[in-house]
């Protein structure tokens, strides 16, 4: 979650873009990301160079090599050294402006030149829009002041700038908080055998967090060529209808060592998307703010839930996209849990009767503040096409480590560690009662309750008996007080009147 210090610095950068004539929030995010990318590339190589110097060895496959780089736009050779952030940031304003616009930006556009990667594909039409050297100097100074080595600064920027976009009504996007993404990834525990997909990827938060999880938990295994190749080229898949987000996601993944993910422009709910029985893990926070034209919706989704509501269709899409045994964790609005339309009921029946529904984690409505106050939950299920739902685990998350108002400041209360620990030991949940934060509900009970998945339907509320004082006792107390007041008034009159 963005801190006050980072927020103030981003505000300053935002204001600089605004005064420099760039006022579209998505354009600001994109232009910021280019500069972040330049700095991160240099920071990463400087870290490798420092480690190599200690070992007395050269670094493998450096981004900035010895000698010159040939600029295809100007047909001139440029020293790799001047393309590096720590070098050009110290140039005079006009020189730095020309270096970044004419050389460094062209360099990052052509990083994967000759490869049919997502990065090279979506960087082809990228345009550098900062037109003023003084504006660029202020932005570079602002970006340079951010510590990118100790925090996911790009994620902080996305979270804050996408919040500005949502507040202004532009693009309708809001970012899933990183700690919620991280919780979902830790619940699902991706492995090197997985093929992971987010069909509504946005800025690729779920995919990037999955990549981090893999690198943190399988460091030694990734040294083997077959695992490294799968990680770089075959493990991660993401789709969106916003080319800017695809470009940002591709840059983000490349920074995490995922060179050739399958990232593509795609309306995931349309008939043109034919992905079936393909992925082993879906992680997503799909859009659930609108309806679509059913004539363009894949018929295979409508057979599961005949609706125009995107929140239902995306869950149906996950069922179709997953391989047998594939797993899904998706954020859904609360209405999916208890909606009484035929489409809502059909979807819940699909998950409970035909697949294996494992968990419903209800989240407080403030989780998506300041972008939205919608109440949401996380559904976790496995595709079986043969049922298998036995008991469904419910958890009532009441705190996520941040205040649930628009400020979202850090607080002590946090259920996330407890959620992860309990999900990993569901056998221990058997002894929990319906009065606890979490408990198991037999599938038969859910079926008997019209497949409703709202935790409140099954939670037992403990009511305390309150004994009130009898009216005659209260009246007696009033009479005593009244007599004391009258005595005090009489004494006052005798003395002073």
Protein backbone atom coordinates (compact mmCIF):
# COMPACT_ATOMS: atom_id res chain seq x y z
CA UNK A 1 0.00 0.00 0.00
CA UNK A 2 1.33 3.43 -0.91
CA UNK A 3 2.93 5.39 1.94
CA UNK A 4 2.58 9.10 2.63
CA UNK A 5 6.11 9.83 1.45
CA UNK A 6 5.68 7.96 -1.82
CA UNK A 7 2.26 9.52 -2.32
CA UNK A 8 3.68 13.04 -1.94
CA UNK A 9 6.45 12.33 -4.43
CA UNK A 10 4.04 10.83 -6.95
CA UNK A 11 1.76 13.85 -6.47
CA UNK A 12 4.68 16.10 -7.35
CA UNK A 13 5.47 14.05 -10.45
CA UNK A 14 1.77 14.06 -11.39
CA UNK A 15 1.61 17.86 -11.04
CA UNK A 16 4.72 18.18 -13.21
CA UNK A 17 3.08 16.14 -15.96
CA UNK A 18 -0.06 18.28 -15.63
CA UNK A 19 1.81 21.58 -15.92
CA UNK A 20 3.77 20.07 -18.81
CA UNK A 21 0.53 19.54 -20.76
CA UNK A 22 -0.03 15.81 -20.15
CA UNK A 23 -3.34 15.54 -18.28
CA UNK A 24 -4.73 12.13 -19.30
CA UNK A 25 -4.16 9.87 -16.29
CA UNK A 26 -3.51 6.72 -18.33
CA UNK A 27 -0.95 8.59 -20.44
CA UNK A 28 0.72 9.84 -17.25
CA UNK A 29 0.92 6.25 -15.97
CA UNK A 30 2.39 5.05 -19.25
CA UNK A 31 5.01 7.81 -19.49
CA UNK A 32 5.95 7.31 -15.83
CA UNK A 33 6.38 3.61 -16.50
CA UNK A 34 8.85 4.22 -19.34
CA UNK A 35 11.07 6.23 -16.99
CA UNK A 36 10.65 3.67 -14.21
CA UNK A 37 11.67 0.98 -16.66
CA UNK A 38 14.83 2.88 -17.66
CA UNK A 39 15.82 3.32 -14.02
CA UNK A 40 15.00 -0.26 -13.04
CA UNK A 41 17.08 -1.65 -15.92
CA UNK A 42 20.09 0.36 -14.81
CA UNK A 43 19.54 -0.37 -11.10
CA UNK A 44 19.32 -4.10 -11.82
CA UNK A 45 22.56 -4.09 -13.82
CA UNK A 46 24.37 -1.98 -11.22
CA UNK A 47 23.40 -4.53 -8.58
CA UNK A 48 24.69 -7.38 -10.77
CA UNK A 49 27.91 -5.46 -11.45
CA UNK A 50 28.48 -4.90 -7.73
CA UNK A 51 28.01 -8.62 -7.00
CA UNK A 52 30.23 -9.60 -9.93
CA UNK A 53 32.97 -7.24 -8.73
CA UNK A 54 33.02 -8.98 -5.36
CA UNK A 55 33.42 -12.33 -7.09
CA UNK A 56 35.85 -11.04 -9.70
CA UNK A 57 33.63 -12.21 -12.55
CA UNK A 58 31.71 -10.72 -15.44
CA UNK A 59 27.90 -10.55 -15.41
CA UNK A 60 25.89 -12.76 -17.73
CA UNK A 61 23.94 -11.22 -20.60
CA UNK A 62 24.10 -7.54 -19.55
CA UNK A 63 21.45 -5.17 -20.87
CA UNK A 64 24.04 -2.41 -21.25
CA UNK A 65 27.02 -3.98 -22.99
CA UNK A 66 30.50 -2.73 -23.71
CA UNK A 67 30.94 -0.51 -26.77
CA UNK A 68 28.18 0.97 -28.89
CA UNK A 69 24.50 0.32 -29.61
CA UNK A 70 23.16 1.01 -33.08
CA UNK A 71 20.11 3.26 -32.99
CA UNK A 72 17.79 2.14 -35.82
CA UNK A 73 15.86 5.42 -35.78
CA UNK A 74 18.88 7.67 -36.31
CA UNK A 75 21.13 5.06 -37.97
CA UNK A 76 23.93 6.11 -35.60
CA UNK A 77 26.04 4.26 -33.05
CA UNK A 78 25.52 5.32 -29.45
CA UNK A 79 27.68 4.28 -26.48
CA UNK A 80 25.74 1.93 -24.21
CA UNK A 81 27.05 3.93 -21.26
CA UNK A 82 25.03 7.08 -22.03
CA UNK A 83 21.82 5.01 -22.17
CA UNK A 84 22.10 4.29 -18.47
CA UNK A 85 20.01 6.17 -15.92
CA UNK A 86 22.81 7.02 -13.52
CA UNK A 87 24.70 8.64 -16.42
CA UNK A 88 22.08 10.66 -18.29
CA UNK A 89 20.35 11.91 -15.11
CA UNK A 90 23.43 14.09 -14.48
CA UNK A 91 23.48 15.68 -17.94
CA UNK A 92 22.34 19.25 -18.53
CA UNK A 93 18.59 19.55 -19.29
CA UNK A 94 18.79 19.80 -23.08
CA UNK A 95 21.35 17.02 -23.42
CA UNK A 96 19.39 14.74 -21.10
CA UNK A 97 16.15 15.46 -22.95
CA UNK A 98 17.72 14.54 -26.29
CA UNK A 99 19.40 11.45 -24.84
CA UNK A 100 16.18 10.10 -23.32
CA UNK A 101 13.86 10.99 -26.19
CA UNK A 102 16.14 10.07 -29.10
CA UNK A 103 18.26 7.25 -27.69
CA UNK A 104 17.24 5.76 -24.30
CA UNK A 105 13.54 5.53 -25.21
CA UNK A 106 14.33 4.02 -28.60
CA UNK A 107 16.65 1.58 -26.81
CA UNK A 108 13.95 0.27 -24.47
CA UNK A 109 11.51 0.04 -27.40
CA UNK A 110 13.94 -2.24 -29.21
CA UNK A 111 15.19 -4.31 -26.28
CA UNK A 112 13.69 -7.52 -27.63
CA UNK A 113 14.15 -6.58 -31.27
CA UNK A 114 13.99 -9.64 -33.49
CA UNK A 115 12.03 -11.66 -30.92
CA UNK A 116 8.33 -12.28 -31.22
CA UNK A 117 7.82 -11.39 -27.55
CA UNK A 118 4.93 -9.61 -25.88
CA UNK A 119 7.31 -6.81 -24.96
CA UNK A 120 8.54 -6.15 -28.51
CA UNK A 121 5.00 -6.49 -29.87
CA UNK A 122 3.42 -3.91 -27.61
CA UNK A 123 6.35 -1.49 -27.55
CA UNK A 124 6.28 -1.04 -31.32
CA UNK A 125 3.75 1.79 -31.19
CA UNK A 126 4.98 3.36 -27.93
CA UNK A 127 5.46 7.13 -28.11
CA UNK A 128 7.48 9.39 -25.81
CA UNK A 129 5.21 12.36 -25.11
CA UNK A 130 7.20 14.59 -22.73
CA UNK A 131 8.02 17.61 -24.88
CA UNK A 132 9.86 19.99 -22.55
CA UNK A 133 13.40 19.57 -21.13
CA UNK A 134 12.53 21.41 -17.89
CA UNK A 135 9.49 19.19 -17.38
CA UNK A 136 11.58 16.07 -17.98
CA UNK A 137 14.26 17.20 -15.51
CA UNK A 138 11.67 17.59 -12.74
CA UNK A 139 10.13 14.18 -13.51
CA UNK A 140 13.52 12.45 -13.63
CA UNK A 141 14.46 14.05 -10.29
CA UNK A 142 11.17 12.83 -8.81
CA UNK A 143 11.61 9.28 -10.11
CA UNK A 144 15.25 9.21 -9.02
CA UNK A 145 14.20 10.02 -5.45
CA UNK A 146 12.09 6.86 -5.27
CA UNK A 147 13.77 3.81 -3.75
CA UNK A 148 13.00 1.03 -6.17
CA UNK A 149 15.26 -1.57 -4.63
CA UNK A 150 13.27 -1.99 -1.40
CA UNK A 151 9.68 -1.74 -2.64
CA UNK A 152 7.58 -2.44 -5.66
CA UNK A 153 7.58 1.22 -6.65
CA UNK A 154 5.90 0.54 -9.94
CA UNK A 155 3.09 -1.21 -8.11
CA UNK A 156 2.76 1.74 -5.75
CA UNK A 157 2.48 4.09 -8.71
CA UNK A 158 -0.15 1.88 -10.39
CA UNK A 159 -2.16 1.71 -7.19
CA UNK A 160 -2.16 5.46 -6.69
CA UNK A 161 -2.47 6.62 -10.30
CA UNK A 162 -5.19 4.08 -11.09
CA UNK A 163 -6.95 5.43 -8.04
CA UNK A 164 -6.79 8.89 -9.62
CA UNK A 165 -8.12 7.39 -12.85
CA UNK A 166 -11.05 5.78 -11.05
CA UNK A 167 -11.79 8.97 -9.14
CA UNK A 168 -11.87 10.99 -12.35
CA UNK A 169 -14.06 8.42 -14.09
CA UNK A 170 -11.45 7.66 -16.75
CA UNK A 171 -11.02 4.11 -18.05
CA UNK A 172 -13.01 2.61 -15.17
CA UNK A 173 -10.02 0.71 -13.83
CA UNK A 174 -8.97 0.19 -10.25
CA UNK A 175 -6.10 -1.85 -9.07
CA UNK A 176 -6.34 -4.85 -6.76
CA UNK A 177 -4.25 -4.03 -3.66
CA UNK A 178 -0.94 -5.89 -3.76
CA UNK A 179 -1.38 -7.46 -0.32
CA UNK A 180 -4.68 -9.01 -1.47
CA UNK A 181 -3.01 -10.31 -4.64
CA UNK A 182 -0.15 -11.70 -2.58
CA UNK A 183 -2.59 -13.43 -0.20
CA UNK A 184 -4.38 -15.10 -3.12
CA UNK A 185 -1.10 -16.25 -4.67
CA UNK A 186 0.08 -17.66 -1.34
CA UNK A 187 -3.22 -19.49 -0.94
CA UNK A 188 -2.86 -21.11 -4.37
CA UNK A 189 0.89 -21.86 -4.15
CA UNK A 190 1.90 -21.82 -7.85
CA UNK A 191 4.45 -24.46 -8.89
CA UNK A 192 6.87 -24.86 -11.78
CA UNK A 193 4.37 -27.19 -13.45
CA UNK A 194 1.64 -24.56 -13.63
CA UNK A 195 0.39 -22.57 -16.59
CA UNK A 196 -1.05 -19.43 -15.03
CA UNK A 197 -3.62 -17.16 -16.64
CA UNK A 198 -5.35 -13.88 -15.86
CA UNK A 199 -7.86 -13.17 -18.64
CA UNK A 200 -8.48 -9.62 -17.35
CA UNK A 201 -4.89 -8.80 -16.46
CA UNK A 202 -4.85 -4.98 -16.24
CA UNK A 203 -1.35 -4.07 -15.08
CA UNK A 204 -0.48 -7.79 -14.63
CA UNK A 205 -0.46 -7.73 -10.82
CA UNK A 206 -1.50 -11.38 -10.38
CA UNK A 207 0.95 -12.61 -13.00
CA UNK A 208 3.86 -10.60 -11.58
CA UNK A 209 3.12 -11.72 -8.01
CA UNK A 210 2.97 -15.34 -9.22
CA UNK A 211 6.34 -14.86 -10.92
CA UNK A 212 7.77 -13.51 -7.65
CA UNK A 213 6.37 -16.50 -5.74
CA UNK A 214 7.97 -18.94 -8.16
CA UNK A 215 11.39 -17.23 -8.03
CA UNK A 216 11.25 -17.07 -4.21
CA UNK A 217 10.25 -20.72 -3.72
CA UNK A 218 12.02 -22.48 -6.60
CA UNK A 219 15.38 -20.72 -6.87
CA UNK A 220 17.48 -23.86 -7.28
CA UNK A 221 15.00 -25.57 -9.64
CA UNK A 222 15.01 -22.51 -11.92
CA UNK A 223 18.70 -23.11 -12.58
CA UNK A 224 17.68 -26.09 -14.71
CA UNK A 225 17.13 -25.20 -18.35
CA UNK A 226 13.74 -26.85 -18.75
CA UNK A 227 12.31 -25.01 -15.75
CA UNK A 228 13.90 -21.69 -16.73
CA UNK A 229 12.53 -21.97 -20.27
CA UNK A 230 9.03 -22.74 -19.00
CA UNK A 231 9.22 -19.81 -16.58
CA UNK A 232 10.34 -17.37 -19.27
CA UNK A 233 8.14 -18.53 -22.14
CA UNK A 234 5.33 -20.90 -21.21
CA UNK A 235 4.12 -20.33 -17.67
CA UNK A 236 2.39 -16.94 -17.76
CA UNK A 237 -0.59 -15.81 -19.85
CA UNK A 238 -2.56 -12.58 -19.69
CA UNK A 239 -5.20 -10.86 -21.78
CA UNK A 240 -6.78 -7.43 -21.79
CA UNK A 241 -8.59 -5.04 -24.12
CA UNK A 242 -6.34 -2.08 -23.25
CA UNK A 243 -3.10 -1.96 -25.25
CA UNK A 244 -1.51 0.48 -22.80
CA UNK A 245 -2.04 -1.97 -19.94
CA UNK A 246 -0.66 -4.78 -22.09
CA UNK A 247 2.46 -2.71 -22.72
CA UNK A 248 2.85 -1.87 -19.02
CA UNK A 249 2.29 -5.51 -18.04
CA UNK A 250 4.86 -6.72 -20.56
CA UNK A 251 7.46 -4.29 -19.17
CA UNK A 252 6.64 -5.33 -15.62
CA UNK A 253 7.03 -9.03 -16.44
CA UNK A 254 10.26 -8.47 -18.34
CA UNK A 255 11.71 -6.81 -15.24
CA UNK A 256 10.90 -10.03 -13.35
CA UNK A 257 12.75 -12.24 -15.84
CA UNK A 258 9.68 -13.34 -17.81
CA UNK A 259 10.95 -12.60 -21.31
CA UNK A 260 8.22 -14.06 -23.50
CA UNK A 261 4.88 -14.38 -21.69
CA UNK A 262 1.75 -14.88 -23.74
CA UNK A 263 0.21 -11.44 -23.41
CA UNK A 264 -2.36 -10.45 -25.99
CA UNK A 265 -5.19 -8.09 -26.80
CA UNK A 266 -8.34 -10.12 -26.32
CA UNK A 267 -11.95 -9.75 -25.32
CA UNK A 268 -11.87 -12.82 -23.10
CA UNK A 269 -15.66 -13.28 -23.01
CA UNK A 270 -16.14 -13.10 -26.77
CA UNK A 271 -16.56 -16.00 -29.16
CA UNK A 272 -13.08 -15.26 -30.55
CA UNK A 273 -11.55 -16.61 -27.32
CA UNK A 274 -11.49 -20.38 -27.73
CA UNK A 275 -9.23 -21.30 -24.79
CA UNK A 276 -10.62 -24.53 -23.33
CA UNK A 277 -9.04 -27.03 -20.89
CA UNK A 278 -5.74 -25.18 -21.19
CA UNK A 279 -4.50 -23.65 -17.92
CA UNK A 280 -3.74 -25.14 -14.51
CA UNK A 281 -4.24 -21.97 -12.47
CA UNK A 282 -6.40 -18.89 -12.92
CA UNK A 283 -5.95 -15.86 -10.67
CA UNK A 284 -8.03 -12.78 -11.37
CA UNK A 285 -10.09 -9.82 -10.30
CA UNK A 286 -12.27 -9.55 -13.39
CA UNK A 287 -14.44 -6.49 -14.14
CA UNK A 288 -17.88 -6.63 -12.64
CA UNK A 289 -19.23 -3.18 -13.30
CA UNK A 290 -21.28 -3.70 -16.42
CA UNK A 291 -23.09 -5.83 -18.93
CA UNK A 292 -22.14 -6.93 -22.42
CA UNK A 293 -23.79 -7.76 -25.73
CA UNK A 294 -24.82 -11.39 -25.42
CA UNK A 295 -24.65 -11.82 -29.20
CA UNK A 296 -20.85 -11.50 -29.02
CA UNK A 297 -20.49 -13.68 -25.92
CA UNK A 298 -19.08 -17.18 -26.29
CA UNK A 299 -21.98 -19.64 -26.38
CA UNK A 300 -20.02 -22.08 -24.20
CA UNK A 301 -20.22 -19.54 -21.36
CA UNK A 302 -23.92 -18.91 -21.81
CA UNK A 303 -24.62 -22.63 -21.43
CA UNK A 304 -23.20 -22.37 -17.90
CA UNK A 305 -24.91 -19.11 -16.96
CA UNK A 306 -27.23 -17.37 -19.41
CA UNK A 307 -26.57 -13.74 -18.55
CA UNK A 308 -25.01 -10.47 -19.66
CA UNK A 309 -23.36 -9.88 -16.29
CA UNK A 310 -19.58 -9.95 -16.59
CA UNK A 311 -19.01 -11.10 -12.99
CA UNK A 312 -20.88 -14.34 -13.72
CA UNK A 313 -19.49 -14.88 -17.20
CA UNK A 314 -15.88 -14.59 -16.06
CA UNK A 315 -16.36 -17.32 -13.44
CA UNK A 316 -17.90 -19.47 -16.17
CA UNK A 317 -14.86 -18.64 -18.31
CA UNK A 318 -12.51 -19.88 -15.60
CA UNK A 319 -14.37 -23.19 -15.53
CA UNK A 320 -13.98 -23.56 -19.28
CA UNK A 321 -10.34 -22.43 -19.48
CA UNK A 322 -9.00 -24.69 -16.76
CA UNK A 323 -7.65 -28.19 -17.31
CA UNK A 324 -9.14 -30.99 -15.24
CA UNK A 325 -7.57 -30.54 -11.83
CA UNK A 326 -6.91 -26.88 -12.55
CA UNK A 327 -7.45 -24.39 -9.74
CA UNK A 328 -8.94 -20.90 -9.57
CA UNK A 329 -8.97 -18.04 -7.08
CA UNK A 330 -11.09 -15.12 -8.21
CA UNK A 331 -12.49 -12.00 -6.61
CA UNK A 332 -16.23 -11.60 -7.14
CA UNK A 333 -18.81 -9.08 -5.92
CA UNK A 334 -20.99 -10.27 -3.04
CA UNK A 335 -24.00 -10.51 -5.34
CA UNK A 336 -22.52 -13.65 -6.91
CA UNK A 337 -22.83 -15.37 -3.54
CA UNK A 338 -26.54 -14.79 -2.96
CA UNK A 339 -28.12 -13.37 -6.14
CA UNK A 340 -31.47 -15.07 -6.76
CA UNK A 341 -31.67 -14.83 -10.56
CA UNK A 342 -31.57 -18.02 -12.62
CA UNK A 343 -28.10 -17.07 -13.89
CA UNK A 344 -26.72 -16.62 -10.36
CA UNK A 345 -28.20 -19.90 -9.21
CA UNK A 346 -26.96 -21.77 -12.28
CA UNK A 347 -23.40 -20.58 -11.72
CA UNK A 348 -23.36 -21.57 -8.04
CA UNK A 349 -24.80 -24.98 -8.94
CA UNK A 350 -22.03 -25.40 -11.52
CA UNK A 351 -19.32 -24.70 -8.94
CA UNK A 352 -20.86 -26.86 -6.21
CA UNK A 353 -22.41 -29.77 -8.15
CA UNK A 354 -20.13 -30.09 -11.19
CA UNK A 355 -16.82 -28.74 -9.84
CA UNK A 356 -15.22 -28.74 -6.40
CA UNK A 357 -15.82 -25.49 -4.51
CA UNK A 358 -13.36 -25.25 -1.63
CA UNK A 359 -13.51 -21.80 -0.07
CA UNK A 360 -15.41 -18.55 0.15
CA UNK A 361 -13.48 -15.70 1.80
CA UNK A 362 -15.66 -12.66 2.47
CA UNK A 363 -13.74 -9.37 2.45
CA UNK A 364 -14.80 -6.08 4.07
CA UNK A 365 -16.17 -3.41 1.76
CA UNK A 366 -13.27 -1.03 2.45
CA UNK A 367 -10.66 -3.27 0.82
CA UNK A 368 -10.96 -1.43 -2.50
CA UNK A 369 -11.13 2.07 -1.07
CA UNK A 370 -10.59 4.76 -2.23
CA UNK A 371 -11.59 3.40 -5.66
CA UNK A 372 -14.76 1.56 -4.73
CA UNK A 373 -16.82 0.63 -1.69
CA UNK A 374 -18.15 -2.58 -3.20
CA UNK A 375 -18.30 -5.68 -0.96
CA UNK A 376 -16.38 -8.62 -2.42
CA UNK A 377 -15.35 -12.19 -1.75
CA UNK A 378 -12.77 -14.66 -3.03
CA UNK A 379 -13.98 -17.92 -4.55
CA UNK A 380 -11.55 -20.85 -4.65
CA UNK A 381 -12.44 -23.95 -6.65
CA UNK A 382 -10.95 -26.84 -8.59
CA UNK A 383 -12.22 -28.01 -11.98
CA UNK A 384 -13.31 -31.65 -11.89
CA UNK A 385 -16.36 -31.80 -14.21
CA UNK A 386 -17.55 -34.54 -11.82
CA UNK A 387 -18.38 -32.67 -8.63
CA UNK A 388 -16.50 -33.42 -5.46
CA UNK A 389 -17.59 -30.53 -3.26
CA UNK A 390 -17.72 -31.98 0.26
CA UNK A 391 -17.42 -29.12 2.73
CA UNK A 392 -16.95 -25.46 1.86
CA UNK A 393 -14.67 -23.36 4.05
CA UNK A 394 -15.98 -19.90 4.92
CA UNK A 395 -13.89 -17.09 6.39
CA UNK A 396 -15.15 -13.69 7.50
CA UNK A 397 -12.22 -11.33 6.91
CA UNK A 398 -12.74 -8.28 9.10
CA UNK A 399 -9.36 -6.58 8.70
CA UNK A 400 -6.60 -6.60 6.07
CA UNK A 401 -3.92 -4.55 7.81
CA UNK A 402 -5.23 -1.17 6.67
CA UNK A 403 -8.02 1.12 7.80
CA UNK A 404 -11.21 0.56 5.83
CA UNK A 405 -11.81 4.22 5.06
CA UNK A 406 -10.59 6.20 2.05
CA UNK A 407 -7.24 6.97 3.70
CA UNK A 408 -6.31 3.25 4.04
CA UNK A 409 -3.62 3.85 6.64
CA UNK A 410 -1.71 0.91 8.13
CA UNK A 411 -3.24 -0.66 11.27
CA UNK A 412 -2.39 -3.59 13.55
CA UNK A 413 -5.52 -5.65 12.83
CA UNK A 414 -4.88 -8.08 9.99
CA UNK A 415 -6.64 -11.38 9.27
CA UNK A 416 -4.50 -12.31 6.25
CA UNK A 417 -1.86 -14.41 8.09
CA UNK A 418 -4.69 -16.26 9.86
CA UNK A 419 -6.50 -16.89 6.56
CA UNK A 420 -3.39 -18.41 4.96
CA UNK A 421 -2.59 -20.55 8.02
CA UNK A 422 -6.13 -21.88 8.38
CA UNK A 423 -6.60 -22.57 4.66
CA UNK A 424 -3.44 -24.66 4.77
CA UNK A 425 -4.86 -26.71 7.65
CA UNK A 426 -8.53 -27.25 6.86
CA UNK A 427 -8.57 -30.41 8.94
CA UNK A 428 -8.10 -28.19 11.98
CA UNK A 429 -11.22 -26.24 11.01
CA UNK A 430 -13.47 -29.22 11.78
CA UNK A 431 -13.66 -28.20 15.44
CA UNK A 432 -14.60 -24.59 14.70
CA UNK A 433 -18.12 -23.46 15.52
CA UNK A 434 -20.48 -21.24 13.56
CA UNK A 435 -19.68 -18.45 16.02
CA UNK A 436 -16.03 -18.29 14.86
CA UNK A 437 -14.47 -16.23 12.05
CA UNK A 438 -14.10 -19.37 9.96
CA UNK A 439 -15.84 -22.73 9.73
CA UNK A 440 -16.76 -25.56 7.37
CA UNK A 441 -20.26 -26.06 5.96
CA UNK A 442 -21.36 -29.44 4.50
CA UNK A 443 -22.38 -29.27 0.86
CA UNK A 444 -25.83 -30.70 1.62
CA UNK A 445 -26.65 -27.76 3.86
CA UNK A 446 -25.64 -25.33 1.11
CA UNK A 447 -27.78 -27.17 -1.43
CA UNK A 448 -30.73 -27.07 0.96
CA UNK A 449 -30.32 -23.30 1.21
CA UNK A 450 -30.68 -22.64 -2.55
CA UNK A 451 -26.90 -22.79 -3.00
CA UNK A 452 -26.46 -19.46 -1.21
CA UNK A 453 -22.76 -18.83 -0.43
CA UNK A 454 -23.16 -15.83 1.84
CA UNK A 455 -21.42 -16.58 5.14
CA UNK A 456 -24.18 -14.82 7.08
CA UNK A 457 -26.57 -17.57 5.98
CA UNK A 458 -24.64 -20.12 8.03
CA UNK A 459 -23.04 -18.02 10.77
CA UNK A 460 -24.49 -18.38 14.25
CA UNK A 461 -24.86 -15.05 15.96
CA UNK A 462 -24.48 -15.19 19.71
CA UNK A 463 -27.04 -12.98 21.42
CA UNK A 464 -26.51 -11.92 24.99
CA UNK A 465 -29.50 -11.63 27.32
CA UNK A 466 -29.80 -8.07 28.55
CA UNK A 467 -31.68 -7.57 31.82
CA UNK A 468 -33.27 -4.15 32.12
CA UNK A 469 -34.09 -2.44 35.40
CA UNK A 470 -37.77 -2.64 36.30
CA UNK A 471 -39.82 0.58 35.73
CA UNK A 472 -40.84 0.93 39.38
CA UNK A 473 -37.16 0.88 40.42
CA UNK A 474 -36.32 3.57 37.85
CA UNK A 475 -39.28 5.66 39.01
CA UNK A 476 -38.12 5.34 42.62
CA UNK A 477 -34.63 6.59 41.68
CA UNK A 478 -36.15 9.57 39.87
CA UNK A 479 -38.29 10.45 42.92
CA UNK A 480 -35.22 10.33 45.20
CA UNK A 481 -33.29 12.61 42.85
CA UNK A 482 -36.26 14.96 42.64
CA UNK A 483 -36.50 15.25 46.43
CA UNK A 484 -32.75 15.94 46.69
CA UNK A 485 -33.04 18.69 44.07
CA UNK A 486 -36.01 20.27 45.87
CA UNK A 487 -34.11 20.22 49.19
CA UNK A 488 -31.11 21.88 47.58
CA UNK A 489 -33.33 24.60 46.07
CA UNK A 490 -35.00 25.26 49.41
CA UNK A 491 -31.60 25.63 51.10
CA UNK A 492 -30.46 28.04 48.34
CA UNK A 493 -33.59 30.24 48.81
CA UNK A 494 -33.16 30.34 52.60
CA UNK A 495 -29.58 31.60 52.32
CA UNK A 496 -29.72 34.04 49.43
CA UNK A 497 -33.31 35.21 48.88
